[in-house]
Amino acid sequence: MKTRNYTIYFGMTFLILTLMACEKSDTIPTVDKVYELEKRELNVAYGSHPLQKMDIYFPEGYGSGTPVIFVIHGGGFIAGTKEDFTERAKLFMSKGFVTVNISHRLVDATGLDQTPPPRVHSPVKVTDEVSDIAAAVEKYKSLAPGYGSGTAKMYMAGHSAGGTLAMLYVQGDKNTGKQVSASGNLAGLANLSLTDEQYGYLQQHEHGPAVKELLYRMTGVEPTKETALYLMAISPNWVSSANTPGMPNITVMSNTNDADLRFEPYFSTIADAQKYDGQLRSQGVKSEFVVMDTDHGFGRHADDWEKAIAATVSFFKRVN
């Protein structure tokens, strides 16, 4: 399966949203000081699977009080590795964060580009990916004293599916003692559950079989109204509701996210992210929602990633 097909299936997976106007756009802050890399630790294993590895980048002058950020690549839960996110991880490091760039196990994508796709039981579900993220955090904590770094201020951010995973971990019960203080979502989805209308869409649309198969592999159950709790369990908005109050979150969203992921005209990731922002605010939780003039990959302008990361870092620094 080619990379563009992963994007198509990632887009088709989340049949979850209602269209509504969304025009809010916040000023993107800047971070003045640029930190150089002091040292790095590559391919640190946090489990026995080949993908259970992480890279750690340490900024100049780091110490036990230096904030830490865990970052997660995108890929629709079925593709990608930490190497795809290395340059972005280094951008976070340049803002003065010890940066932990995580690979995780993937949902099986075998045959998803076939018509119809074969029934495949994936040994890895989205919940297993969240477990991997949790294991990476614990591994970093065990190593931090030896590195001379700390754990007092920890955050997590990711792009696309990585943003969803970051929210699921930070907002969920695997975030022991709420040790990771905030989540950053860069163009990921806040809700993966389905409406009655969207269940009907699965039955009627030409891509319905592929979407149903992917949802099956992601959760381990057939996507029906009777199994709705399985999709809710991998939806950050529902996870936050189950762990009220939620944790601070910033979403930086592309203004063409839905078109780029081929969601239009069926649903709006932008609208759902805005709803999630309102949900957290209603709980008295710090939350920001930023819409940028960029595409899903933050590549419309040369400095889009710099702006998105600067916004995320600025929010994290204001959380504590």
C-alpha atoms as a PDB file:
ATOM      1  CA  MET A   1       0.000   0.000   0.000  1.00  0.00           C
ATOM      2  CA  LYS A   2       1.431   3.379  -0.938  1.00  0.00           C
ATOM      3  CA  THR A   3       1.645   6.284   1.498  1.00  0.00           C
ATOM      4  CA  ARG A   4      -1.208   8.175  -0.152  1.00  0.00           C
ATOM      5  CA  ASN A   5      -3.471   5.174   0.412  1.00  0.00           C
ATOM      6  CA  TYR A   6      -2.706   5.282   4.138  1.00  0.00           C
ATOM      7  CA  THR A   7      -3.902   8.881   4.125  1.00  0.00           C
ATOM      8  CA  ILE A   8      -7.100   7.915   2.303  1.00  0.00           C
ATOM      9  CA  TYR A   9      -7.886   5.153   4.788  1.00  0.00           C
ATOM     10  CA  PHE A  10      -7.037   7.379   7.731  1.00  0.00           C
ATOM     11  CA  GLY A  11      -9.492   9.901   6.343  1.00  0.00           C
ATOM     12  CA  MET A  12     -12.219   7.335   5.725  1.00  0.00           C
ATOM     13  CA  THR A  13     -11.925   5.776   9.155  1.00  0.00           C
ATOM     14  CA  PHE A  14     -13.413   8.505  11.302  1.00  0.00           C
ATOM     15  CA  LEU A  15     -17.024   8.877  10.192  1.00  0.00           C
ATOM     16  CA  ILE A  16     -17.925  10.911  13.178  1.00  0.00           C
ATOM     17  CA  LEU A  17     -18.715  14.542  12.720  1.00  0.00           C
ATOM     18  CA  THR A  18     -21.451  17.056  11.932  1.00  0.00           C
ATOM     19  CA  LEU A  19     -20.737  20.098   9.772  1.00  0.00           C
ATOM     20  CA  MET A  20     -20.805  23.478  11.472  1.00  0.00           C
ATOM     21  CA  ALA A  21     -19.158  26.830  10.855  1.00  0.00           C
ATOM     22  CA  CYS A  22     -15.728  27.225  12.408  1.00  0.00           C
ATOM     23  CA  GLU A  23     -13.932  30.509  11.958  1.00  0.00           C
ATOM     24  CA  LYS A  24     -11.923  30.954  15.140  1.00  0.00           C
ATOM     25  CA  SER A  25      -8.245  31.648  14.597  1.00  0.00           C
ATOM     26  CA  ASP A  26      -5.817  32.536  17.399  1.00  0.00           C
ATOM     27  CA  THR A  27      -2.570  34.426  17.127  1.00  0.00           C
ATOM     28  CA  ILE A  28       0.402  32.078  16.807  1.00  0.00           C
ATOM     29  CA  PRO A  29       2.980  32.955  19.470  1.00  0.00           C
ATOM     30  CA  THR A  30       6.703  32.755  18.908  1.00  0.00           C
ATOM     31  CA  VAL A  31       9.471  31.353  21.071  1.00  0.00           C
ATOM     32  CA  ASP A  32      12.597  33.513  20.955  1.00  0.00           C
ATOM     33  CA  LYS A  33      15.499  31.427  22.222  1.00  0.00           C
ATOM     34  CA  VAL A  34      16.755  28.601  20.029  1.00  0.00           C
ATOM     35  CA  TYR A  35      18.435  25.761  21.919  1.00  0.00           C
ATOM     36  CA  GLU A  36      21.172  23.680  20.343  1.00  0.00           C
ATOM     37  CA  LEU A  37      21.329  19.905  20.728  1.00  0.00           C
ATOM     38  CA  GLU A  38      23.602  18.839  23.595  1.00  0.00           C
ATOM     39  CA  LYS A  39      23.247  15.071  23.234  1.00  0.00           C
ATOM     40  CA  ARG A  40      20.911  12.357  21.990  1.00  0.00           C
ATOM     41  CA  GLU A  41      20.049   8.778  22.827  1.00  0.00           C
ATOM     42  CA  LEU A  42      18.704   6.824  19.847  1.00  0.00           C
ATOM     43  CA  ASN A  43      16.644   3.640  19.593  1.00  0.00           C
ATOM     44  CA  VAL A  44      16.074   3.262  23.309  1.00  0.00           C
ATOM     45  CA  ALA A  45      13.910   0.150  23.719  1.00  0.00           C
ATOM     46  CA  TYR A  46      10.871   0.324  25.999  1.00  0.00           C
ATOM     47  CA  GLY A  47       9.547  -3.131  24.992  1.00  0.00           C
ATOM     48  CA  SER A  48      10.508  -6.240  23.049  1.00  0.00           C
ATOM     49  CA  HIS A  49       8.781  -5.391  19.729  1.00  0.00           C
ATOM     50  CA  PRO A  50      11.029  -3.811  17.058  1.00  0.00           C
ATOM     51  CA  LEU A  51       8.773  -0.735  16.942  1.00  0.00           C
ATOM     52  CA  GLN A  52       8.820  -0.211  20.695  1.00  0.00           C
ATOM     53  CA  LYS A  53      11.708   2.232  20.594  1.00  0.00           C
ATOM     54  CA  MET A  54      12.243   5.930  21.207  1.00  0.00           C
ATOM     55  CA  ASP A  55      14.819   8.620  20.503  1.00  0.00           C
ATOM     56  CA  ILE A  56      15.639  11.242  23.142  1.00  0.00           C
ATOM     57  CA  TYR A  57      17.026  14.686  22.313  1.00  0.00           C
ATOM     58  CA  PHE A  58      18.520  16.868  25.052  1.00  0.00           C
ATOM     59  CA  PRO A  59      18.824  20.661  24.619  1.00  0.00           C
ATOM     60  CA  GLU A  60      21.914  22.567  25.665  1.00  0.00           C
ATOM     61  CA  GLY A  61      22.076  23.251  29.377  1.00  0.00           C
ATOM     62  CA  TYR A  62      19.384  20.733  30.231  1.00  0.00           C
ATOM     63  CA  GLY A  63      18.978  19.517  33.791  1.00  0.00           C
ATOM     64  CA  SER A  64      16.502  17.997  36.212  1.00  0.00           C
ATOM     65  CA  GLY A  65      14.209  21.018  35.859  1.00  0.00           C
ATOM     66  CA  THR A  66      14.103  21.037  32.047  1.00  0.00           C
ATOM     67  CA  PRO A  67      10.591  20.310  30.744  1.00  0.00           C
ATOM     68  CA  VAL A  68      10.043  17.068  28.827  1.00  0.00           C
ATOM     69  CA  ILE A  69       7.799  16.469  25.831  1.00  0.00           C
ATOM     70  CA  PHE A  70       6.854  13.106  24.357  1.00  0.00           C
ATOM     71  CA  VAL A  71       6.026  13.326  20.640  1.00  0.00           C
ATOM     72  CA  ILE A  72       4.167  10.845  18.429  1.00  0.00           C
ATOM     73  CA  HIS A  73       4.198  10.486  14.627  1.00  0.00           C
ATOM     74  CA  GLY A  74       1.103  10.281  12.437  1.00  0.00           C
ATOM     75  CA  GLY A  75       0.051   7.569   9.990  1.00  0.00           C
ATOM     76  CA  GLY A  76      -3.583   6.726  10.663  1.00  0.00           C
ATOM     77  CA  PHE A  77      -2.663   4.170  13.369  1.00  0.00           C
ATOM     78  CA  ILE A  78      -1.517   1.805  10.582  1.00  0.00           C
ATOM     79  CA  ALA A  79       1.707   3.407   9.344  1.00  0.00           C
ATOM     80  CA  GLY A  80       4.695   5.549  10.308  1.00  0.00           C
ATOM     81  CA  THR A  81       7.663   5.476  12.682  1.00  0.00           C
ATOM     82  CA  LYS A  82       9.539   7.941  14.847  1.00  0.00           C
ATOM     83  CA  GLU A  83      11.939   8.560  11.968  1.00  0.00           C
ATOM     84  CA  ASP A  84       9.095  10.263  10.104  1.00  0.00           C
ATOM     85  CA  PHE A  85       8.898  12.790  12.943  1.00  0.00           C
ATOM     86  CA  THR A  86      12.594  13.336  13.676  1.00  0.00           C
ATOM     87  CA  GLU A  87      12.815  16.850  12.268  1.00  0.00           C
ATOM     88  CA  ARG A  88       9.690  17.914  14.160  1.00  0.00           C
ATOM     89  CA  ALA A  89      11.084  16.370  17.355  1.00  0.00           C
ATOM     90  CA  LYS A  90      14.236  18.442  16.931  1.00  0.00           C
ATOM     91  CA  LEU A  91      12.088  21.547  16.564  1.00  0.00           C
ATOM     92  CA  PHE A  92      10.500  20.820  19.933  1.00  0.00           C
ATOM     93  CA  MET A  93      13.974  20.288  21.393  1.00  0.00           C
ATOM     94  CA  SER A  94      15.104  23.648  19.997  1.00  0.00           C
ATOM     95  CA  LYS A  95      12.437  25.299  22.180  1.00  0.00           C
ATOM     96  CA  GLY A  96      14.203  24.008  25.293  1.00  0.00           C
ATOM     97  CA  PHE A  97      12.442  20.669  25.887  1.00  0.00           C
ATOM     98  CA  VAL A  98      13.973  17.263  26.437  1.00  0.00           C
ATOM     99  CA  THR A  99      12.140  15.581  23.558  1.00  0.00           C
ATOM    100  CA  VAL A 100      11.220  11.899  23.471  1.00  0.00           C
ATOM    101  CA  ASN A 101      10.262  10.779  19.950  1.00  0.00           C
ATOM    102  CA  ILE A 102       8.243   7.547  20.137  1.00  0.00           C
ATOM    103  CA  SER A 103       7.591   4.697  17.704  1.00  0.00           C
ATOM    104  CA  HIS A 104       4.777   2.295  18.586  1.00  0.00           C
ATOM    105  CA  ARG A 105       3.218  -0.897  17.298  1.00  0.00           C
ATOM    106  CA  LEU A 106       0.729  -0.511  14.417  1.00  0.00           C
ATOM    107  CA  VAL A 107      -2.700  -1.783  13.500  1.00  0.00           C
ATOM    108  CA  ASP A 108      -2.373  -4.352  10.682  1.00  0.00           C
ATOM    109  CA  ALA A 109      -3.020  -2.673   7.298  1.00  0.00           C
ATOM    110  CA  THR A 110      -2.766  -5.843   5.177  1.00  0.00           C
ATOM    111  CA  GLY A 111      -5.095  -5.761   2.171  1.00  0.00           C
ATOM    112  CA  LEU A 112      -6.927  -2.551   3.043  1.00  0.00           C
ATOM    113  CA  ASP A 113      -6.348  -1.375  -0.521  1.00  0.00           C
ATOM    114  CA  GLN A 114      -8.170  -4.421  -1.939  1.00  0.00           C
ATOM    115  CA  THR A 115     -11.836  -4.417  -2.980  1.00  0.00           C
ATOM    116  CA  PRO A 116     -13.300  -5.773  -0.829  1.00  0.00           C
ATOM    117  CA  PRO A 117     -10.604  -5.898   1.837  1.00  0.00           C
ATOM    118  CA  PRO A 118      -9.983  -9.264   3.549  1.00  0.00           C
ATOM    119  CA  ARG A 119     -11.065  -9.873   7.120  1.00  0.00           C
ATOM    120  CA  VAL A 120      -7.899  -9.660   9.214  1.00  0.00           C
ATOM    121  CA  HIS A 121      -7.693  -9.831  12.978  1.00  0.00           C
ATOM    122  CA  SER A 122      -5.047  -7.292  13.945  1.00  0.00           C
ATOM    123  CA  PRO A 123      -3.028  -8.312  17.000  1.00  0.00           C
ATOM    124  CA  VAL A 124      -2.526  -4.602  17.716  1.00  0.00           C
ATOM    125  CA  LYS A 125      -5.484  -2.316  18.455  1.00  0.00           C
ATOM    126  CA  VAL A 126      -5.510   1.410  19.097  1.00  0.00           C
ATOM    127  CA  THR A 127      -5.715   0.679  22.822  1.00  0.00           C
ATOM    128  CA  ASP A 128      -2.462  -1.280  22.494  1.00  0.00           C
ATOM    129  CA  GLU A 129      -0.832   1.747  20.878  1.00  0.00           C
ATOM    130  CA  VAL A 130      -1.887   3.827  23.879  1.00  0.00           C
ATOM    131  CA  SER A 131      -0.353   1.157  26.122  1.00  0.00           C
ATOM    132  CA  ASP A 132       2.889   1.515  24.162  1.00  0.00           C
ATOM    133  CA  ILE A 133       2.892   5.264  24.763  1.00  0.00           C
ATOM    134  CA  ALA A 134       2.370   4.628  28.479  1.00  0.00           C
ATOM    135  CA  ALA A 135       5.270   2.151  28.518  1.00  0.00           C
ATOM    136  CA  ALA A 136       7.528   4.701  26.791  1.00  0.00           C
ATOM    137  CA  VAL A 137       6.721   7.302  29.439  1.00  0.00           C
ATOM    138  CA  GLU A 138       7.548   4.867  32.236  1.00  0.00           C
ATOM    139  CA  LYS A 139      10.798   3.862  30.521  1.00  0.00           C
ATOM    140  CA  TYR A 140      11.874   7.478  30.187  1.00  0.00           C
ATOM    141  CA  LYS A 141      11.072   8.057  33.879  1.00  0.00           C
ATOM    142  CA  SER A 142      13.288   5.118  34.879  1.00  0.00           C
ATOM    143  CA  LEU A 143      16.181   6.449  32.783  1.00  0.00           C
ATOM    144  CA  ALA A 144      15.869  10.159  33.561  1.00  0.00           C
ATOM    145  CA  PRO A 145      18.061  10.213  36.681  1.00  0.00           C
ATOM    146  CA  GLY A 146      20.895   8.534  34.790  1.00  0.00           C
ATOM    147  CA  TYR A 147      20.600  11.076  32.005  1.00  0.00           C
ATOM    148  CA  GLY A 148      20.560  13.974  34.448  1.00  0.00           C
ATOM    149  CA  SER A 149      17.083  14.998  33.292  1.00  0.00           C
ATOM    150  CA  GLY A 150      13.851  15.188  35.248  1.00  0.00           C
ATOM    151  CA  THR A 151      10.178  14.305  35.280  1.00  0.00           C
ATOM    152  CA  ALA A 152       8.565  17.221  37.123  1.00  0.00           C
ATOM    153  CA  LYS A 153       7.200  18.903  33.984  1.00  0.00           C
ATOM    154  CA  MET A 154       6.082  16.471  31.291  1.00  0.00           C
ATOM    155  CA  TYR A 155       3.855  17.036  28.241  1.00  0.00           C
ATOM    156  CA  MET A 156       2.813  15.098  25.137  1.00  0.00           C
ATOM    157  CA  ALA A 157       1.991  16.066  21.546  1.00  0.00           C
ATOM    158  CA  GLY A 158       1.468  14.323  18.233  1.00  0.00           C
ATOM    159  CA  HIS A 159       0.513  14.842  14.627  1.00  0.00           C
ATOM    160  CA  SER A 160      -2.634  13.407  13.049  1.00  0.00           C
ATOM    161  CA  ALA A 161      -3.203   9.939  14.579  1.00  0.00           C
ATOM    162  CA  GLY A 162      -0.324  10.775  16.908  1.00  0.00           C
ATOM    163  CA  GLY A 163      -2.312  13.730  18.183  1.00  0.00           C
ATOM    164  CA  THR A 164      -5.243  11.433  18.925  1.00  0.00           C
ATOM    165  CA  LEU A 165      -2.928   9.019  20.752  1.00  0.00           C
ATOM    166  CA  ALA A 166      -1.435  11.885  22.773  1.00  0.00           C
ATOM    167  CA  MET A 167      -4.905  12.969  23.893  1.00  0.00           C
ATOM    168  CA  LEU A 168      -5.966   9.400  24.654  1.00  0.00           C
ATOM    169  CA  TYR A 169      -2.964   8.878  26.904  1.00  0.00           C
ATOM    170  CA  VAL A 170      -2.979  12.250  28.661  1.00  0.00           C
ATOM    171  CA  GLN A 171      -6.745  12.330  29.140  1.00  0.00           C
ATOM    172  CA  GLY A 172      -7.026   8.646  30.099  1.00  0.00           C
ATOM    173  CA  ASP A 173      -6.392   6.474  33.118  1.00  0.00           C
ATOM    174  CA  LYS A 174      -2.949   5.328  31.936  1.00  0.00           C
ATOM    175  CA  ASN A 175      -1.637   8.824  32.745  1.00  0.00           C
ATOM    176  CA  THR A 176      -0.774   7.767  36.279  1.00  0.00           C
ATOM    177  CA  GLY A 177      -1.276  10.558  38.778  1.00  0.00           C
ATOM    178  CA  LYS A 178      -1.766  12.929  35.850  1.00  0.00           C
ATOM    179  CA  GLN A 179       2.008  12.968  35.553  1.00  0.00           C
ATOM    180  CA  VAL A 180       1.897  14.262  31.965  1.00  0.00           C
ATOM    181  CA  SER A 181       0.377  17.692  32.426  1.00  0.00           C
ATOM    182  CA  ALA A 182      -1.123  18.485  29.021  1.00  0.00           C
ATOM    183  CA  SER A 183      -1.747  17.151  25.526  1.00  0.00           C
ATOM    184  CA  GLY A 184      -1.058  18.786  22.164  1.00  0.00           C
ATOM    185  CA  ASN A 185      -3.070  17.726  19.131  1.00  0.00           C
ATOM    186  CA  LEU A 186      -1.717  18.725  15.713  1.00  0.00           C
ATOM    187  CA  ALA A 187      -4.521  18.029  13.200  1.00  0.00           C
ATOM    188  CA  GLY A 188      -5.699  14.837  14.893  1.00  0.00           C
ATOM    189  CA  LEU A 189      -9.225  13.695  15.714  1.00  0.00           C
ATOM    190  CA  ALA A 190     -10.996  14.337  19.002  1.00  0.00           C
ATOM    191  CA  ASN A 191     -13.873  11.913  18.346  1.00  0.00           C
ATOM    192  CA  LEU A 192     -13.940   8.525  16.636  1.00  0.00           C
ATOM    193  CA  SER A 193     -17.477   7.466  17.556  1.00  0.00           C
ATOM    194  CA  LEU A 194     -20.284   7.214  14.984  1.00  0.00           C
ATOM    195  CA  THR A 195     -23.733   8.726  14.705  1.00  0.00           C
ATOM    196  CA  ASP A 196     -26.746   6.694  13.546  1.00  0.00           C
ATOM    197  CA  GLU A 197     -26.454   8.340  10.151  1.00  0.00           C
ATOM    198  CA  GLN A 198     -22.813   7.394   9.856  1.00  0.00           C
ATOM    199  CA  TYR A 199     -23.521   3.757  10.673  1.00  0.00           C
ATOM    200  CA  GLY A 200     -25.875   3.895   7.682  1.00  0.00           C
ATOM    201  CA  TYR A 201     -23.092   5.421   5.615  1.00  0.00           C
ATOM    202  CA  LEU A 202     -20.972   2.328   6.285  1.00  0.00           C
ATOM    203  CA  GLN A 203     -23.677   0.212   4.674  1.00  0.00           C
ATOM    204  CA  GLN A 204     -24.174   2.385   1.593  1.00  0.00           C
ATOM    205  CA  HIS A 205     -20.946   4.110   0.583  1.00  0.00           C
ATOM    206  CA  GLU A 206     -18.504   2.557  -1.869  1.00  0.00           C
ATOM    207  CA  HIS A 207     -15.721   2.839   0.723  1.00  0.00           C
ATOM    208  CA  GLY A 208     -17.914   1.415   3.480  1.00  0.00           C
ATOM    209  CA  PRO A 209     -16.378  -2.094   3.446  1.00  0.00           C
ATOM    210  CA  ALA A 210     -12.849  -0.710   3.793  1.00  0.00           C
ATOM    211  CA  VAL A 211     -13.887   1.633   6.584  1.00  0.00           C
ATOM    212  CA  LYS A 212     -15.721  -1.121   8.451  1.00  0.00           C
ATOM    213  CA  GLU A 213     -12.742  -3.445   8.126  1.00  0.00           C
ATOM    214  CA  LEU A 214     -10.325  -0.812   9.416  1.00  0.00           C
ATOM    215  CA  LEU A 215     -12.580   0.024  12.357  1.00  0.00           C
ATOM    216  CA  TYR A 216     -12.791  -3.710  13.104  1.00  0.00           C
ATOM    217  CA  ARG A 217      -9.009  -3.990  13.134  1.00  0.00           C
ATOM    218  CA  MET A 218      -8.632  -0.869  15.270  1.00  0.00           C
ATOM    219  CA  THR A 219     -11.043  -2.071  17.964  1.00  0.00           C
ATOM    220  CA  GLY A 220     -11.306  -5.851  17.543  1.00  0.00           C
ATOM    221  CA  VAL A 221     -15.105  -5.750  17.167  1.00  0.00           C
ATOM    222  CA  GLU A 222     -17.524  -5.217  14.295  1.00  0.00           C
ATOM    223  CA  PRO A 223     -18.565  -1.534  14.231  1.00  0.00           C
ATOM    224  CA  THR A 224     -22.264  -1.559  15.123  1.00  0.00           C
ATOM    225  CA  LYS A 225     -24.510   0.486  17.384  1.00  0.00           C
ATOM    226  CA  GLU A 226     -24.315  -2.330  19.915  1.00  0.00           C
ATOM    227  CA  THR A 227     -20.507  -2.077  20.094  1.00  0.00           C
ATOM    228  CA  ALA A 228     -20.370   1.739  20.220  1.00  0.00           C
ATOM    229  CA  LEU A 229     -18.458   1.697  23.501  1.00  0.00           C
ATOM    230  CA  TYR A 230     -15.391   0.319  21.710  1.00  0.00           C
ATOM    231  CA  LEU A 231     -15.166   3.389  19.473  1.00  0.00           C
ATOM    232  CA  MET A 232     -15.923   5.677  22.391  1.00  0.00           C
ATOM    233  CA  ALA A 233     -12.988   4.087  24.240  1.00  0.00           C
ATOM    234  CA  ILE A 234     -10.613   5.393  21.545  1.00  0.00           C
ATOM    235  CA  SER A 235     -12.257   8.843  21.320  1.00  0.00           C
ATOM    236  CA  PRO A 236     -10.484  11.565  23.337  1.00  0.00           C
ATOM    237  CA  ASN A 237     -13.699  13.478  24.015  1.00  0.00           C
ATOM    238  CA  TRP A 238     -15.356  10.401  25.535  1.00  0.00           C
ATOM    239  CA  VAL A 239     -12.196   9.423  27.429  1.00  0.00           C
ATOM    240  CA  SER A 240     -12.101  12.919  28.943  1.00  0.00           C
ATOM    241  CA  SER A 241     -15.760  12.598  29.940  1.00  0.00           C
ATOM    242  CA  ALA A 242     -14.963   9.366  31.747  1.00  0.00           C
ATOM    243  CA  ASN A 243     -12.096  11.040  33.604  1.00  0.00           C
ATOM    244  CA  THR A 244     -13.672  14.393  34.440  1.00  0.00           C
ATOM    245  CA  PRO A 245     -12.235  16.909  34.711  1.00  0.00           C
ATOM    246  CA  GLY A 246     -10.047  16.484  31.669  1.00  0.00           C
ATOM    247  CA  MET A 247      -6.461  17.605  31.303  1.00  0.00           C
ATOM    248  CA  PRO A 248      -5.265  20.777  29.541  1.00  0.00           C
ATOM    249  CA  ASN A 249      -5.152  20.441  25.767  1.00  0.00           C
ATOM    250  CA  ILE A 250      -4.243  22.521  22.749  1.00  0.00           C
ATOM    251  CA  THR A 251      -5.421  21.642  19.257  1.00  0.00           C
ATOM    252  CA  VAL A 252      -3.711  23.239  16.266  1.00  0.00           C
ATOM    253  CA  MET A 253      -5.852  22.464  13.241  1.00  0.00           C
ATOM    254  CA  SER A 254      -5.444  22.911   9.488  1.00  0.00           C
ATOM    255  CA  ASN A 255      -8.195  24.967   7.868  1.00  0.00           C
ATOM    256  CA  THR A 256      -8.435  22.349   5.094  1.00  0.00           C
ATOM    257  CA  ASN A 257      -8.111  19.293   7.330  1.00  0.00           C
ATOM    258  CA  ASP A 258     -11.434  17.759   6.252  1.00  0.00           C
ATOM    259  CA  ALA A 259     -10.830  18.258   2.540  1.00  0.00           C
ATOM    260  CA  ASP A 260      -7.288  16.916   2.846  1.00  0.00           C
ATOM    261  CA  LEU A 261      -8.520  13.766   4.629  1.00  0.00           C
ATOM    262  CA  ARG A 262     -11.490  13.400   2.245  1.00  0.00           C
ATOM    263  CA  PHE A 263     -14.031  13.847   5.034  1.00  0.00           C
ATOM    264  CA  GLU A 264     -16.140  16.465   3.282  1.00  0.00           C
ATOM    265  CA  PRO A 265     -19.115  16.667   3.008  1.00  0.00           C
ATOM    266  CA  TYR A 266     -19.804  13.966   5.573  1.00  0.00           C
ATOM    267  CA  PHE A 267     -18.064  15.226   8.704  1.00  0.00           C
ATOM    268  CA  SER A 268     -15.788  17.934  10.084  1.00  0.00           C
ATOM    269  CA  THR A 269     -12.734  17.260  12.203  1.00  0.00           C
ATOM    270  CA  ILE A 270     -12.428  21.013  12.671  1.00  0.00           C
ATOM    271  CA  ALA A 271     -15.891  21.315  14.174  1.00  0.00           C
ATOM    272  CA  ASP A 272     -15.335  18.327  16.424  1.00  0.00           C
ATOM    273  CA  ALA A 273     -12.047  19.729  17.724  1.00  0.00           C
ATOM    274  CA  GLN A 274     -13.817  22.983  18.463  1.00  0.00           C
ATOM    275  CA  LYS A 275     -16.519  21.112  20.371  1.00  0.00           C
ATOM    276  CA  TYR A 276     -13.857  19.314  22.376  1.00  0.00           C
ATOM    277  CA  ASP A 277     -12.246  22.639  23.240  1.00  0.00           C
ATOM    278  CA  GLY A 278     -15.610  23.824  24.525  1.00  0.00           C
ATOM    279  CA  GLN A 279     -16.095  20.581  26.462  1.00  0.00           C
ATOM    280  CA  LEU A 280     -12.821  21.040  28.341  1.00  0.00           C
ATOM    281  CA  ARG A 281     -13.469  24.721  28.985  1.00  0.00           C
ATOM    282  CA  SER A 282     -16.879  23.878  30.429  1.00  0.00           C
ATOM    283  CA  GLN A 283     -15.063  21.696  32.982  1.00  0.00           C
ATOM    284  CA  GLY A 284     -12.817  24.593  33.948  1.00  0.00           C
ATOM    285  CA  VAL A 285      -9.866  23.004  32.128  1.00  0.00           C
ATOM    286  CA  LYS A 286      -7.321  25.092  30.235  1.00  0.00           C
ATOM    287  CA  SER A 287      -7.812  24.542  26.521  1.00  0.00           C
ATOM    288  CA  GLU A 288      -6.870  26.302  23.304  1.00  0.00           C
ATOM    289  CA  PHE A 289      -8.106  25.805  19.762  1.00  0.00           C
ATOM    290  CA  VAL A 290      -6.099  27.281  16.885  1.00  0.00           C
ATOM    291  CA  VAL A 291      -6.923  27.129  13.183  1.00  0.00           C
ATOM    292  CA  MET A 292      -3.970  27.680  10.863  1.00  0.00           C
ATOM    293  CA  ASP A 293      -3.875  28.496   7.169  1.00  0.00           C
ATOM    294  CA  THR A 294      -2.145  25.258   6.266  1.00  0.00           C
ATOM    295  CA  ASP A 295      -2.817  21.705   5.109  1.00  0.00           C
ATOM    296  CA  HIS A 296      -3.101  18.520   7.151  1.00  0.00           C
ATOM    297  CA  GLY A 297       0.662  17.967   6.931  1.00  0.00           C
ATOM    298  CA  PHE A 298       1.485  21.571   7.926  1.00  0.00           C
ATOM    299  CA  GLY A 299       3.261  22.047   4.624  1.00  0.00           C
ATOM    300  CA  ARG A 300       1.469  24.872   2.849  1.00  0.00           C
ATOM    301  CA  HIS A 301       4.086  27.402   3.926  1.00  0.00           C
ATOM    302  CA  ALA A 302       7.737  26.905   4.811  1.00  0.00           C
ATOM    303  CA  ASP A 303       7.247  27.948   8.432  1.00  0.00           C
ATOM    304  CA  ASP A 304       3.975  26.138   9.183  1.00  0.00           C
ATOM    305  CA  TRP A 305       5.552  23.496  11.403  1.00  0.00           C
ATOM    306  CA  GLU A 306       7.540  26.144  13.244  1.00  0.00           C
ATOM    307  CA  LYS A 307       4.339  28.084  13.957  1.00  0.00           C
ATOM    308  CA  ALA A 308       2.361  25.023  15.025  1.00  0.00           C
ATOM    309  CA  ILE A 309       5.087  23.854  17.394  1.00  0.00           C
ATOM    310  CA  ALA A 310       5.587  27.375  18.780  1.00  0.00           C
ATOM    311  CA  ALA A 311       1.870  27.564  19.591  1.00  0.00           C
ATOM    312  CA  THR A 312       1.970  24.176  21.312  1.00  0.00           C
ATOM    313  CA  VAL A 313       5.080  24.969  23.343  1.00  0.00           C
ATOM    314  CA  SER A 314       3.718  28.357  24.385  1.00  0.00           C
ATOM    315  CA  PHE A 315       0.546  26.695  25.679  1.00  0.00           C
ATOM    316  CA  PHE A 316       2.504  24.077  27.627  1.00  0.00           C
ATOM    317  CA  LYS A 317       4.631  26.763  29.280  1.00  0.00           C
ATOM    318  CA  ARG A 318       1.463  28.527  30.430  1.00  0.00           C
ATOM    319  CA  VAL A 319      -0.140  25.381  31.861  1.00  0.00           C
ATOM    320  CA  ASN A 320       2.182  25.164  34.901  1.00  0.00           C
END
